[in-house]
Structures are given as C-alpha cells and as structure tokens.
Amino acid sequence: MNFPQTDLPMFKTASDVEKIEIAVDGKSTMVPKNVSVAAALLLAEAIPFRYSKVDQSPRAPYCLMGVCAECLVTINDEPGQFACQTNVQPGMRINRS
C-alpha cells in the first residue's frame, strides 16, 4: 500500500519541526521541541557529554533509557541529571562538565 506523505503528518522534515532555545555550556542553540536533552545534545553535536572520573575517557549516551548513566549532565545548576530522561524546556541551561 502506498501512503503519500500528506497522509502521515507525524513525519516531518527537519525544517518543519518547531524549535526552542536552550544554552549548552553557556552557548545558545536551537533544538527541536519535545525531545530529550540527550537527543537535543546529539542533534547539536554537543559530544562528549562528560568525561570518565576513572580515566578521563569521553562519554556519551549508550542506552538512552536511564540505565547506563553515561548521559549525566548538569541541568539548570542541578548536577547528575539523566539527559535521556529529561525533556528540553525553553531557556534550559545544560552544562556537560
């Protein structure tokens, strides 16, 4: 069965998605509305998310469901937040250090 794109409004191009402004490490960036912080950071190419406390190796999301803890960031001055479990909000301040 052939479905024209007009019949599937949930599929949008990147330019059709509503965006909001957040700050990543003090730098303003526009990201899609209604996505997780992890998805927004990945789309903004803000990687790595953090560095290992053991060997300083770069870390980034692995499971994207809150199990691996590789996506921990500071959100609005609250450290240790799971980026994969938090949705972006306008004006959100995210620090990766």
N, C-alpha and C. Protein backbone atom coordinates (compact mmCIF):
# COMPACT_ATOMS: atom_id res chain seq x y z
N MET A 1 0.84 -1.18 0.00
CA MET A 1 0.00 0.00 0.00
C MET A 1 0.88 1.24 0.00
N ASN A 2 0.59 2.19 -0.82
CA ASN A 2 1.39 3.40 -0.95
C ASN A 2 0.71 4.54 -0.20
N PHE A 3 1.40 5.14 0.78
CA PHE A 3 0.86 6.24 1.57
C PHE A 3 1.59 7.53 1.20
N PRO A 4 0.91 8.49 0.62
CA PRO A 4 1.56 9.77 0.36
C PRO A 4 1.94 10.44 1.68
N GLN A 5 3.00 11.21 1.69
CA GLN A 5 3.46 11.85 2.92
C GLN A 5 2.39 12.74 3.54
N THR A 6 1.51 13.32 2.74
CA THR A 6 0.46 14.18 3.28
C THR A 6 -0.49 13.40 4.18
N ASP A 7 -0.57 12.07 4.01
CA ASP A 7 -1.43 11.25 4.86
C ASP A 7 -0.76 10.90 6.18
N LEU A 8 0.52 11.21 6.32
CA LEU A 8 1.26 10.87 7.53
C LEU A 8 1.84 12.13 8.16
N PRO A 9 1.02 12.93 8.85
CA PRO A 9 1.51 14.20 9.38
C PRO A 9 2.57 14.07 10.46
N MET A 10 2.75 12.87 11.05
CA MET A 10 3.76 12.73 12.09
C MET A 10 5.17 12.73 11.53
N PHE A 11 5.32 12.53 10.23
CA PHE A 11 6.63 12.56 9.61
C PHE A 11 6.88 13.95 9.05
N LYS A 12 7.86 14.63 9.61
CA LYS A 12 8.17 15.98 9.19
C LYS A 12 9.64 16.06 8.80
N THR A 13 9.94 17.04 8.00
CA THR A 13 11.34 17.30 7.70
C THR A 13 11.93 18.13 8.84
N ALA A 14 13.23 18.18 8.92
CA ALA A 14 13.89 18.92 9.99
C ALA A 14 13.49 20.38 10.01
N SER A 15 13.22 20.96 8.85
CA SER A 15 12.86 22.37 8.80
C SER A 15 11.42 22.62 9.27
N ASP A 16 10.59 21.58 9.33
CA ASP A 16 9.20 21.72 9.76
C ASP A 16 9.02 21.59 11.27
N VAL A 17 10.03 21.13 11.97
CA VAL A 17 9.92 20.87 13.41
C VAL A 17 10.06 22.17 14.19
N GLU A 18 9.15 22.39 15.14
CA GLU A 18 9.24 23.58 15.99
C GLU A 18 10.47 23.47 16.88
N LYS A 19 11.19 24.57 17.03
CA LYS A 19 12.43 24.56 17.81
C LYS A 19 12.33 25.53 18.98
N ILE A 20 13.13 25.25 20.00
CA ILE A 20 13.22 26.10 21.17
C ILE A 20 14.68 26.43 21.43
N GLU A 21 14.93 27.46 22.21
CA GLU A 21 16.29 27.87 22.52
C GLU A 21 16.71 27.35 23.89
N ILE A 22 17.88 26.73 23.94
CA ILE A 22 18.48 26.30 25.20
C ILE A 22 19.94 26.79 25.20
N ALA A 23 20.58 26.68 26.35
CA ALA A 23 22.00 27.03 26.44
C ALA A 23 22.79 25.78 26.78
N VAL A 24 23.80 25.50 25.98
CA VAL A 24 24.69 24.36 26.22
C VAL A 24 26.07 24.92 26.49
N ASP A 25 26.55 24.69 27.71
CA ASP A 25 27.84 25.23 28.14
C ASP A 25 27.91 26.74 27.90
N GLY A 26 26.81 27.43 28.16
CA GLY A 26 26.76 28.87 28.03
C GLY A 26 26.51 29.38 26.63
N LYS A 27 26.43 28.50 25.65
CA LYS A 27 26.22 28.91 24.26
C LYS A 27 24.78 28.60 23.84
N SER A 28 24.10 29.61 23.33
CA SER A 28 22.72 29.46 22.89
C SER A 28 22.64 28.57 21.66
N THR A 29 21.64 27.68 21.64
CA THR A 29 21.44 26.82 20.49
C THR A 29 19.96 26.51 20.34
N MET A 30 19.51 26.30 19.13
CA MET A 30 18.13 25.95 18.84
C MET A 30 18.04 24.44 18.66
N VAL A 31 17.06 23.83 19.34
CA VAL A 31 16.88 22.38 19.27
C VAL A 31 15.40 22.07 19.08
N PRO A 32 15.07 20.89 18.58
CA PRO A 32 13.66 20.54 18.40
C PRO A 32 12.91 20.54 19.74
N LYS A 33 11.69 20.99 19.71
CA LYS A 33 10.81 20.96 20.88
C LYS A 33 10.38 19.52 21.13
N ASN A 34 10.14 19.18 22.37
CA ASN A 34 9.60 17.87 22.76
C ASN A 34 10.55 16.70 22.50
N VAL A 35 11.84 16.93 22.66
CA VAL A 35 12.80 15.83 22.60
C VAL A 35 13.55 15.78 23.93
N SER A 36 14.24 14.70 24.18
CA SER A 36 15.04 14.59 25.40
C SER A 36 16.26 15.49 25.30
N VAL A 37 16.82 15.81 26.45
CA VAL A 37 18.06 16.58 26.47
C VAL A 37 19.15 15.82 25.72
N ALA A 38 19.19 14.50 25.90
CA ALA A 38 20.20 13.69 25.21
C ALA A 38 20.05 13.81 23.69
N ALA A 39 18.84 13.70 23.20
CA ALA A 39 18.61 13.81 21.76
C ALA A 39 18.99 15.21 21.27
N ALA A 40 18.62 16.23 22.04
CA ALA A 40 18.95 17.61 21.66
C ALA A 40 20.46 17.81 21.59
N LEU A 41 21.18 17.29 22.58
CA LEU A 41 22.64 17.44 22.58
C LEU A 41 23.27 16.69 21.43
N LEU A 42 22.77 15.51 21.13
CA LEU A 42 23.30 14.75 20.00
C LEU A 42 23.03 15.48 18.69
N LEU A 43 21.82 16.03 18.53
CA LEU A 43 21.50 16.78 17.31
C LEU A 43 22.35 18.04 17.19
N ALA A 44 22.69 18.63 18.32
CA ALA A 44 23.53 19.84 18.33
C ALA A 44 25.01 19.49 18.25
N GLU A 45 25.32 18.20 18.14
CA GLU A 45 26.70 17.70 18.09
C GLU A 45 27.51 18.12 19.30
N ALA A 46 26.84 18.18 20.46
CA ALA A 46 27.49 18.55 21.72
C ALA A 46 27.97 17.27 22.41
N ILE A 47 29.01 16.68 21.88
CA ILE A 47 29.57 15.47 22.46
C ILE A 47 31.07 15.66 22.64
N PRO A 48 31.66 15.03 23.60
CA PRO A 48 31.08 14.10 24.57
C PRO A 48 30.21 14.82 25.59
N PHE A 49 29.41 14.04 26.30
CA PHE A 49 28.55 14.60 27.35
C PHE A 49 29.35 14.87 28.62
N ARG A 50 30.32 14.03 28.88
CA ARG A 50 31.13 14.15 30.09
C ARG A 50 32.40 13.33 29.88
N TYR A 51 33.27 13.34 30.90
CA TYR A 51 34.49 12.53 30.87
C TYR A 51 34.50 11.61 32.08
N SER A 52 34.99 10.40 31.88
CA SER A 52 35.05 9.40 32.95
C SER A 52 35.88 9.93 34.12
N LYS A 53 35.41 9.69 35.33
CA LYS A 53 36.17 10.08 36.52
C LYS A 53 37.35 9.15 36.75
N VAL A 54 37.32 7.98 36.14
CA VAL A 54 38.38 6.99 36.32
C VAL A 54 39.57 7.26 35.41
N ASP A 55 39.31 7.36 34.09
CA ASP A 55 40.42 7.51 33.15
C ASP A 55 40.28 8.72 32.21
N GLN A 56 39.32 9.58 32.49
CA GLN A 56 39.07 10.79 31.70
C GLN A 56 38.70 10.51 30.24
N SER A 57 38.22 9.30 29.95
CA SER A 57 37.79 9.00 28.59
C SER A 57 36.44 9.68 28.31
N PRO A 58 36.23 10.10 27.06
CA PRO A 58 34.98 10.78 26.72
C PRO A 58 33.79 9.83 26.80
N ARG A 59 32.67 10.33 27.28
CA ARG A 59 31.47 9.52 27.45
C ARG A 59 30.30 10.16 26.72
N ALA A 60 29.37 9.34 26.26
CA ALA A 60 28.16 9.80 25.58
C ALA A 60 27.06 8.79 25.84
N PRO A 61 25.81 9.12 25.55
CA PRO A 61 24.71 8.19 25.81
C PRO A 61 24.93 6.84 25.14
N TYR A 62 24.56 5.82 25.86
CA TYR A 62 24.69 4.46 25.33
C TYR A 62 23.31 3.81 25.21
N CYS A 63 22.57 3.78 26.33
CA CYS A 63 21.29 3.06 26.31
C CYS A 63 20.10 3.95 25.99
N LEU A 64 20.19 5.23 26.29
CA LEU A 64 19.10 6.19 26.10
C LEU A 64 17.81 5.82 26.83
N MET A 65 17.96 5.10 27.95
CA MET A 65 16.78 4.78 28.76
C MET A 65 17.05 4.84 30.26
N GLY A 66 18.16 5.48 30.66
CA GLY A 66 18.41 5.72 32.06
C GLY A 66 19.09 4.60 32.83
N VAL A 67 19.69 3.65 32.14
CA VAL A 67 20.33 2.52 32.82
C VAL A 67 21.85 2.70 32.90
N CYS A 68 22.47 3.18 31.86
CA CYS A 68 23.93 3.20 31.80
C CYS A 68 24.56 4.41 32.51
N ALA A 69 23.82 5.49 32.72
CA ALA A 69 24.31 6.71 33.37
C ALA A 69 25.45 7.39 32.62
N GLU A 70 25.58 7.14 31.35
CA GLU A 70 26.62 7.79 30.55
C GLU A 70 26.19 9.18 30.08
N CYS A 71 24.92 9.52 30.27
CA CYS A 71 24.40 10.81 29.78
C CYS A 71 24.26 11.85 30.88
N LEU A 72 24.86 11.63 32.03
CA LEU A 72 24.71 12.56 33.14
C LEU A 72 25.27 13.94 32.80
N VAL A 73 24.46 14.96 33.02
CA VAL A 73 24.84 16.35 32.78
C VAL A 73 24.28 17.21 33.91
N THR A 74 24.68 18.47 33.94
CA THR A 74 24.12 19.43 34.88
C THR A 74 23.04 20.22 34.14
N ILE A 75 21.82 20.20 34.68
CA ILE A 75 20.71 20.90 34.07
C ILE A 75 20.20 21.94 35.06
N ASN A 76 20.21 23.19 34.63
CA ASN A 76 19.77 24.31 35.48
C ASN A 76 20.43 24.26 36.85
N ASP A 77 21.73 24.07 36.86
CA ASP A 77 22.57 24.05 38.07
C ASP A 77 22.35 22.84 38.98
N GLU A 78 21.66 21.82 38.50
CA GLU A 78 21.45 20.57 39.24
C GLU A 78 22.32 19.48 38.60
N PRO A 79 23.44 19.09 39.24
CA PRO A 79 24.32 18.08 38.65
C PRO A 79 23.71 16.68 38.70
N GLY A 80 24.26 15.79 37.88
CA GLY A 80 23.87 14.38 37.90
C GLY A 80 22.49 14.09 37.33
N GLN A 81 22.04 14.88 36.38
CA GLN A 81 20.73 14.67 35.76
C GLN A 81 20.86 13.77 34.54
N PHE A 82 19.92 12.85 34.39
CA PHE A 82 19.91 11.96 33.24
C PHE A 82 19.37 12.71 32.02
N ALA A 83 20.22 12.98 31.06
CA ALA A 83 19.81 13.72 29.86
C ALA A 83 18.78 12.93 29.05
N CYS A 84 18.86 11.61 29.11
CA CYS A 84 17.93 10.79 28.32
C CYS A 84 16.54 10.73 28.94
N GLN A 85 16.40 11.12 30.20
CA GLN A 85 15.12 11.03 30.89
C GLN A 85 14.48 12.40 31.11
N THR A 86 15.08 13.44 30.56
CA THR A 86 14.60 14.81 30.77
C THR A 86 14.30 15.46 29.43
N ASN A 87 13.11 16.03 29.29
CA ASN A 87 12.76 16.74 28.05
C ASN A 87 13.27 18.17 28.10
N VAL A 88 13.67 18.68 26.95
CA VAL A 88 14.13 20.06 26.88
C VAL A 88 12.98 21.02 27.16
N GLN A 89 13.34 22.14 27.75
CA GLN A 89 12.39 23.22 28.03
C GLN A 89 13.02 24.51 27.55
N PRO A 90 12.22 25.46 27.10
CA PRO A 90 12.78 26.74 26.66
C PRO A 90 13.61 27.39 27.78
N GLY A 91 14.79 27.88 27.41
CA GLY A 91 15.65 28.54 28.38
C GLY A 91 16.47 27.63 29.26
N MET A 92 16.37 26.32 29.07
CA MET A 92 17.11 25.36 29.88
C MET A 92 18.60 25.60 29.73
N ARG A 93 19.32 25.47 30.87
CA ARG A 93 20.78 25.63 30.86
C ARG A 93 21.41 24.26 31.12
N ILE A 94 22.21 23.81 30.18
CA ILE A 94 22.84 22.49 30.27
C ILE A 94 24.35 22.67 30.26
N ASN A 95 25.01 22.04 31.23
CA ASN A 95 26.48 22.04 31.26
C ASN A 95 26.95 20.59 31.21
N ARG A 96 27.90 20.36 30.34
CA ARG A 96 28.39 18.99 30.15
C ARG A 96 29.58 18.64 31.04
N SER A 97 30.18 19.59 31.73
CA SER A 97 31.38 19.28 32.51
C SER A 97 31.06 18.59 33.81
